[in-house]
Amino acid sequence: MRPGWIIPLTAGLLFSSPGLAGPSGEEPSVEEGRKVFTELAQPGCPICHTLADAGATGAIGPDLDELAPDEAKVAAAVTNGVGIMPAFNETLTSEQIAAVARYVATVTGQ
């Protein structure tokens, strides 16, 4: 392996990690994440998940208020899917995924 791959790989990991600034240099906002959760994700998150802050009462997926996942867990689930939950990595931007991860983690107390 050549040492030159370390810097690009590290930079890519930093800019794709939830909780860190993305390519725009701005942190994702909780309000942006709420919009992704309630409006932008298709199928919509409230169809499957309960989340009091969003007025969501879905019963297919886990109750996010009870689960209280951290940003990293939400981002991984939204990006890759979990069980019957589809992956959203092709329909949401990395910024939108980071925003919804921040939102869910924030409103559930993480």
N, C-alpha and C. Protein backbone atom coordinates (compact mmCIF):
# COMPACT_ATOMS: atom_id res chain seq x y z
N MET A 1 0.83 -1.18 0.00
CA MET A 1 0.00 0.00 0.00
C MET A 1 0.87 1.24 0.00
N ARG A 2 0.36 2.23 -0.67
CA ARG A 2 1.11 3.47 -0.71
C ARG A 2 0.61 4.40 0.38
N PRO A 3 1.48 5.17 1.01
CA PRO A 3 1.07 6.07 2.09
C PRO A 3 0.14 7.17 1.62
N GLY A 4 0.08 7.49 0.35
CA GLY A 4 -0.75 8.57 -0.15
C GLY A 4 -2.25 8.35 0.04
N TRP A 5 -2.69 7.12 0.26
CA TRP A 5 -4.14 6.85 0.40
C TRP A 5 -4.67 7.26 1.76
N ILE A 6 -3.82 7.45 2.74
CA ILE A 6 -4.26 7.72 4.10
C ILE A 6 -4.99 9.05 4.21
N ILE A 7 -4.45 10.11 3.63
CA ILE A 7 -5.07 11.44 3.76
C ILE A 7 -6.43 11.50 3.08
N PRO A 8 -6.59 11.06 1.81
CA PRO A 8 -7.94 11.11 1.22
C PRO A 8 -8.96 10.25 1.96
N LEU A 9 -8.53 9.07 2.42
CA LEU A 9 -9.46 8.21 3.15
C LEU A 9 -9.88 8.87 4.45
N THR A 10 -8.94 9.43 5.18
CA THR A 10 -9.25 10.09 6.45
C THR A 10 -10.17 11.27 6.22
N ALA A 11 -9.91 12.07 5.20
CA ALA A 11 -10.76 13.22 4.90
C ALA A 11 -12.17 12.77 4.56
N GLY A 12 -12.30 11.69 3.80
CA GLY A 12 -13.62 11.18 3.46
C GLY A 12 -14.38 10.71 4.68
N LEU A 13 -13.70 10.08 5.62
CA LEU A 13 -14.36 9.63 6.83
C LEU A 13 -14.81 10.81 7.68
N LEU A 14 -14.00 11.84 7.76
CA LEU A 14 -14.38 13.01 8.56
C LEU A 14 -15.60 13.70 7.99
N PHE A 15 -15.67 13.83 6.68
CA PHE A 15 -16.77 14.57 6.10
C PHE A 15 -18.04 13.74 5.97
N SER A 16 -17.98 12.44 6.18
CA SER A 16 -19.18 11.64 6.10
C SER A 16 -19.69 11.19 7.46
N SER A 17 -18.99 11.57 8.51
CA SER A 17 -19.39 11.15 9.85
C SER A 17 -20.43 12.07 10.43
N PRO A 18 -21.54 11.52 10.97
CA PRO A 18 -22.53 12.39 11.59
C PRO A 18 -21.93 13.09 12.80
N GLY A 19 -22.40 14.30 13.03
CA GLY A 19 -21.91 15.06 14.16
C GLY A 19 -20.72 15.93 13.80
N LEU A 20 -20.18 15.75 12.60
CA LEU A 20 -19.09 16.58 12.14
C LEU A 20 -19.58 17.40 10.96
N ALA A 21 -18.91 18.51 10.71
CA ALA A 21 -19.28 19.36 9.59
C ALA A 21 -19.11 18.59 8.29
N GLY A 22 -20.02 18.79 7.37
CA GLY A 22 -19.95 18.15 6.06
C GLY A 22 -19.18 19.02 5.09
N PRO A 23 -19.26 18.71 3.80
CA PRO A 23 -18.51 19.46 2.80
C PRO A 23 -18.81 20.96 2.81
N SER A 24 -20.00 21.35 3.21
CA SER A 24 -20.34 22.77 3.25
C SER A 24 -19.70 23.45 4.45
N GLY A 25 -19.20 22.66 5.42
CA GLY A 25 -18.57 23.21 6.60
C GLY A 25 -19.56 23.55 7.70
N GLU A 26 -20.84 23.29 7.47
CA GLU A 26 -21.86 23.63 8.46
C GLU A 26 -22.37 22.37 9.15
N GLU A 27 -22.65 22.51 10.44
CA GLU A 27 -23.26 21.42 11.20
C GLU A 27 -24.72 21.26 10.76
N PRO A 28 -25.22 20.03 10.71
CA PRO A 28 -26.63 19.86 10.38
C PRO A 28 -27.51 20.40 11.50
N SER A 29 -28.61 21.04 11.13
CA SER A 29 -29.49 21.58 12.16
C SER A 29 -30.58 20.59 12.53
N VAL A 30 -31.05 20.72 13.73
CA VAL A 30 -32.14 19.86 14.20
C VAL A 30 -33.39 20.11 13.37
N GLU A 31 -33.64 21.37 13.01
CA GLU A 31 -34.83 21.69 12.21
C GLU A 31 -34.76 21.07 10.82
N GLU A 32 -33.57 21.07 10.21
CA GLU A 32 -33.41 20.41 8.91
C GLU A 32 -33.70 18.91 9.06
N GLY A 33 -33.21 18.33 10.14
CA GLY A 33 -33.44 16.90 10.39
C GLY A 33 -34.90 16.57 10.60
N ARG A 34 -35.61 17.46 11.27
CA ARG A 34 -37.05 17.26 11.48
C ARG A 34 -37.77 17.23 10.13
N LYS A 35 -37.36 18.11 9.23
CA LYS A 35 -37.98 18.16 7.90
C LYS A 35 -37.69 16.87 7.13
N VAL A 36 -36.46 16.36 7.24
CA VAL A 36 -36.14 15.10 6.57
C VAL A 36 -37.02 13.99 7.15
N PHE A 37 -37.12 13.94 8.48
CA PHE A 37 -37.90 12.89 9.15
C PHE A 37 -39.38 12.97 8.76
N THR A 38 -39.94 14.17 8.76
CA THR A 38 -41.39 14.31 8.57
C THR A 38 -41.83 14.48 7.12
N GLU A 39 -40.94 14.96 6.23
CA GLU A 39 -41.37 15.28 4.88
C GLU A 39 -40.54 14.68 3.75
N LEU A 40 -39.23 14.69 3.88
CA LEU A 40 -38.38 14.39 2.73
C LEU A 40 -38.08 12.92 2.50
N ALA A 41 -37.90 12.16 3.54
CA ALA A 41 -37.60 10.73 3.36
C ALA A 41 -38.81 10.03 2.75
N GLN A 42 -38.56 9.20 1.76
CA GLN A 42 -39.64 8.45 1.13
C GLN A 42 -39.23 6.99 1.03
N PRO A 43 -39.92 6.06 1.66
CA PRO A 43 -41.13 6.28 2.45
C PRO A 43 -40.81 7.10 3.71
N GLY A 44 -41.81 7.79 4.18
CA GLY A 44 -41.64 8.69 5.32
C GLY A 44 -41.37 7.96 6.62
N CYS A 45 -40.51 8.53 7.43
CA CYS A 45 -40.15 7.94 8.72
C CYS A 45 -41.37 7.74 9.65
N PRO A 46 -42.33 8.70 9.70
CA PRO A 46 -43.46 8.54 10.61
C PRO A 46 -44.38 7.35 10.28
N ILE A 47 -44.27 6.83 9.08
CA ILE A 47 -45.08 5.67 8.72
C ILE A 47 -44.72 4.48 9.60
N CYS A 48 -43.44 4.35 9.92
CA CYS A 48 -42.97 3.19 10.67
C CYS A 48 -42.57 3.48 12.11
N HIS A 49 -42.11 4.69 12.38
CA HIS A 49 -41.53 4.99 13.70
C HIS A 49 -42.40 5.92 14.54
N THR A 50 -42.37 5.69 15.84
CA THR A 50 -42.95 6.62 16.80
C THR A 50 -41.85 7.57 17.24
N LEU A 51 -42.16 8.86 17.20
CA LEU A 51 -41.26 9.90 17.69
C LEU A 51 -42.13 11.08 18.09
N ALA A 52 -42.24 11.30 19.39
CA ALA A 52 -43.17 12.29 19.93
C ALA A 52 -42.94 13.67 19.34
N ASP A 53 -41.70 14.13 19.24
CA ASP A 53 -41.42 15.46 18.74
C ASP A 53 -41.97 15.69 17.34
N ALA A 54 -42.02 14.65 16.54
CA ALA A 54 -42.51 14.74 15.17
C ALA A 54 -43.99 14.42 15.06
N GLY A 55 -44.63 14.06 16.17
CA GLY A 55 -46.03 13.66 16.12
C GLY A 55 -46.21 12.34 15.39
N ALA A 56 -45.17 11.53 15.35
CA ALA A 56 -45.18 10.26 14.62
C ALA A 56 -45.61 9.13 15.54
N THR A 57 -46.51 8.28 15.03
CA THR A 57 -47.02 7.17 15.83
C THR A 57 -46.94 5.84 15.09
N GLY A 58 -45.97 5.69 14.21
CA GLY A 58 -45.81 4.44 13.48
C GLY A 58 -45.52 3.29 14.43
N ALA A 59 -45.94 2.08 14.01
CA ALA A 59 -45.79 0.92 14.89
C ALA A 59 -45.05 -0.23 14.22
N ILE A 60 -44.48 0.01 13.05
CA ILE A 60 -43.78 -1.06 12.34
C ILE A 60 -42.34 -1.16 12.83
N GLY A 61 -41.66 -0.02 12.89
CA GLY A 61 -40.27 0.03 13.33
C GLY A 61 -40.21 0.33 14.81
N PRO A 62 -39.01 0.41 15.36
CA PRO A 62 -38.88 0.70 16.79
C PRO A 62 -39.38 2.09 17.16
N ASP A 63 -39.86 2.21 18.38
CA ASP A 63 -40.25 3.49 18.97
C ASP A 63 -38.95 4.22 19.28
N LEU A 64 -38.68 5.29 18.54
CA LEU A 64 -37.40 5.98 18.69
C LEU A 64 -37.29 6.70 20.03
N ASP A 65 -38.41 7.09 20.62
CA ASP A 65 -38.37 7.71 21.95
C ASP A 65 -37.86 6.71 22.98
N GLU A 66 -38.24 5.46 22.87
CA GLU A 66 -37.79 4.42 23.80
C GLU A 66 -36.37 3.97 23.48
N LEU A 67 -36.08 3.81 22.19
CA LEU A 67 -34.76 3.33 21.77
C LEU A 67 -33.68 4.38 22.04
N ALA A 68 -34.00 5.65 21.82
CA ALA A 68 -33.07 6.77 22.04
C ALA A 68 -31.68 6.51 21.45
N PRO A 69 -31.61 6.28 20.13
CA PRO A 69 -30.31 6.00 19.52
C PRO A 69 -29.44 7.26 19.43
N ASP A 70 -28.12 7.05 19.40
CA ASP A 70 -27.23 8.19 19.21
C ASP A 70 -27.12 8.50 17.71
N GLU A 71 -26.45 9.59 17.38
CA GLU A 71 -26.34 10.02 15.98
C GLU A 71 -25.72 8.95 15.09
N ALA A 72 -24.69 8.30 15.56
CA ALA A 72 -24.01 7.30 14.74
C ALA A 72 -24.93 6.13 14.40
N LYS A 73 -25.73 5.69 15.36
CA LYS A 73 -26.66 4.57 15.11
C LYS A 73 -27.75 4.97 14.13
N VAL A 74 -28.28 6.18 14.27
CA VAL A 74 -29.31 6.65 13.34
C VAL A 74 -28.72 6.76 11.94
N ALA A 75 -27.56 7.38 11.82
CA ALA A 75 -26.93 7.55 10.51
C ALA A 75 -26.67 6.21 9.84
N ALA A 76 -26.19 5.24 10.59
CA ALA A 76 -25.92 3.92 10.03
C ALA A 76 -27.21 3.25 9.56
N ALA A 77 -28.27 3.34 10.36
CA ALA A 77 -29.54 2.72 10.00
C ALA A 77 -30.14 3.39 8.77
N VAL A 78 -30.10 4.71 8.72
CA VAL A 78 -30.67 5.43 7.58
C VAL A 78 -29.84 5.19 6.32
N THR A 79 -28.56 5.16 6.46
CA THR A 79 -27.68 4.95 5.31
C THR A 79 -27.79 3.54 4.75
N ASN A 80 -27.73 2.54 5.62
CA ASN A 80 -27.63 1.14 5.17
C ASN A 80 -28.91 0.33 5.27
N GLY A 81 -29.90 0.85 6.01
CA GLY A 81 -31.11 0.09 6.27
C GLY A 81 -30.86 -0.90 7.40
N VAL A 82 -31.97 -1.35 8.02
CA VAL A 82 -31.90 -2.34 9.10
C VAL A 82 -33.15 -3.19 9.00
N GLY A 83 -32.99 -4.50 8.96
CA GLY A 83 -34.15 -5.38 8.85
C GLY A 83 -34.99 -5.01 7.63
N ILE A 84 -36.28 -4.69 7.86
CA ILE A 84 -37.14 -4.32 6.73
C ILE A 84 -37.03 -2.84 6.36
N MET A 85 -36.32 -2.06 7.16
CA MET A 85 -36.12 -0.65 6.84
C MET A 85 -35.17 -0.54 5.65
N PRO A 86 -35.60 0.21 4.62
CA PRO A 86 -34.73 0.35 3.45
C PRO A 86 -33.56 1.28 3.72
N ALA A 87 -32.53 1.15 2.90
CA ALA A 87 -31.41 2.09 2.93
C ALA A 87 -31.84 3.36 2.21
N PHE A 88 -31.45 4.50 2.74
CA PHE A 88 -31.80 5.77 2.13
C PHE A 88 -30.59 6.47 1.52
N ASN A 89 -29.47 5.76 1.41
CA ASN A 89 -28.25 6.37 0.91
C ASN A 89 -28.32 6.80 -0.55
N GLU A 90 -29.30 6.32 -1.29
CA GLU A 90 -29.44 6.73 -2.68
C GLU A 90 -30.54 7.77 -2.87
N THR A 91 -31.35 8.00 -1.84
CA THR A 91 -32.44 8.96 -1.98
C THR A 91 -32.27 10.19 -1.10
N LEU A 92 -31.40 10.13 -0.11
CA LEU A 92 -31.10 11.28 0.73
C LEU A 92 -29.62 11.61 0.59
N THR A 93 -29.29 12.88 0.69
CA THR A 93 -27.89 13.28 0.64
C THR A 93 -27.20 12.96 1.96
N SER A 94 -25.90 12.97 1.96
CA SER A 94 -25.17 12.74 3.22
C SER A 94 -25.50 13.83 4.23
N GLU A 95 -25.74 15.05 3.77
CA GLU A 95 -26.12 16.15 4.66
C GLU A 95 -27.50 15.90 5.28
N GLN A 96 -28.44 15.40 4.48
CA GLN A 96 -29.77 15.09 4.99
C GLN A 96 -29.71 13.95 6.00
N ILE A 97 -28.89 12.94 5.74
CA ILE A 97 -28.75 11.83 6.68
C ILE A 97 -28.14 12.32 7.98
N ALA A 98 -27.12 13.17 7.89
CA ALA A 98 -26.51 13.73 9.10
C ALA A 98 -27.52 14.56 9.88
N ALA A 99 -28.37 15.31 9.16
CA ALA A 99 -29.36 16.16 9.82
C ALA A 99 -30.42 15.32 10.53
N VAL A 100 -30.92 14.27 9.89
CA VAL A 100 -31.95 13.45 10.54
C VAL A 100 -31.35 12.69 11.71
N ALA A 101 -30.09 12.29 11.60
CA ALA A 101 -29.42 11.61 12.71
C ALA A 101 -29.29 12.56 13.91
N ARG A 102 -28.88 13.79 13.66
CA ARG A 102 -28.78 14.80 14.72
C ARG A 102 -30.14 15.04 15.34
N TYR A 103 -31.17 15.18 14.52
CA TYR A 103 -32.53 15.44 15.01
C TYR A 103 -33.00 14.33 15.94
N VAL A 104 -32.96 13.10 15.46
CA VAL A 104 -33.47 11.98 16.28
C VAL A 104 -32.68 11.86 17.58
N ALA A 105 -31.37 11.94 17.51
CA ALA A 105 -30.55 11.83 18.72
C ALA A 105 -30.84 12.98 19.69
N THR A 106 -31.03 14.17 19.17
CA THR A 106 -31.28 15.34 20.02
C THR A 106 -32.63 15.26 20.71
N VAL A 107 -33.68 14.96 19.97
CA VAL A 107 -35.02 14.97 20.57
C VAL A 107 -35.30 13.77 21.46
N THR A 108 -34.46 12.74 21.34
CA THR A 108 -34.64 11.57 22.22
C THR A 108 -33.66 11.61 23.39
N GLY A 109 -32.92 12.69 23.52
CA GLY A 109 -32.07 12.88 24.68
C GLY A 109 -30.66 12.40 24.59
N GLN A 110 -30.18 12.07 23.41
CA GLN A 110 -28.78 11.59 23.26
C GLN A 110 -27.86 12.73 22.94
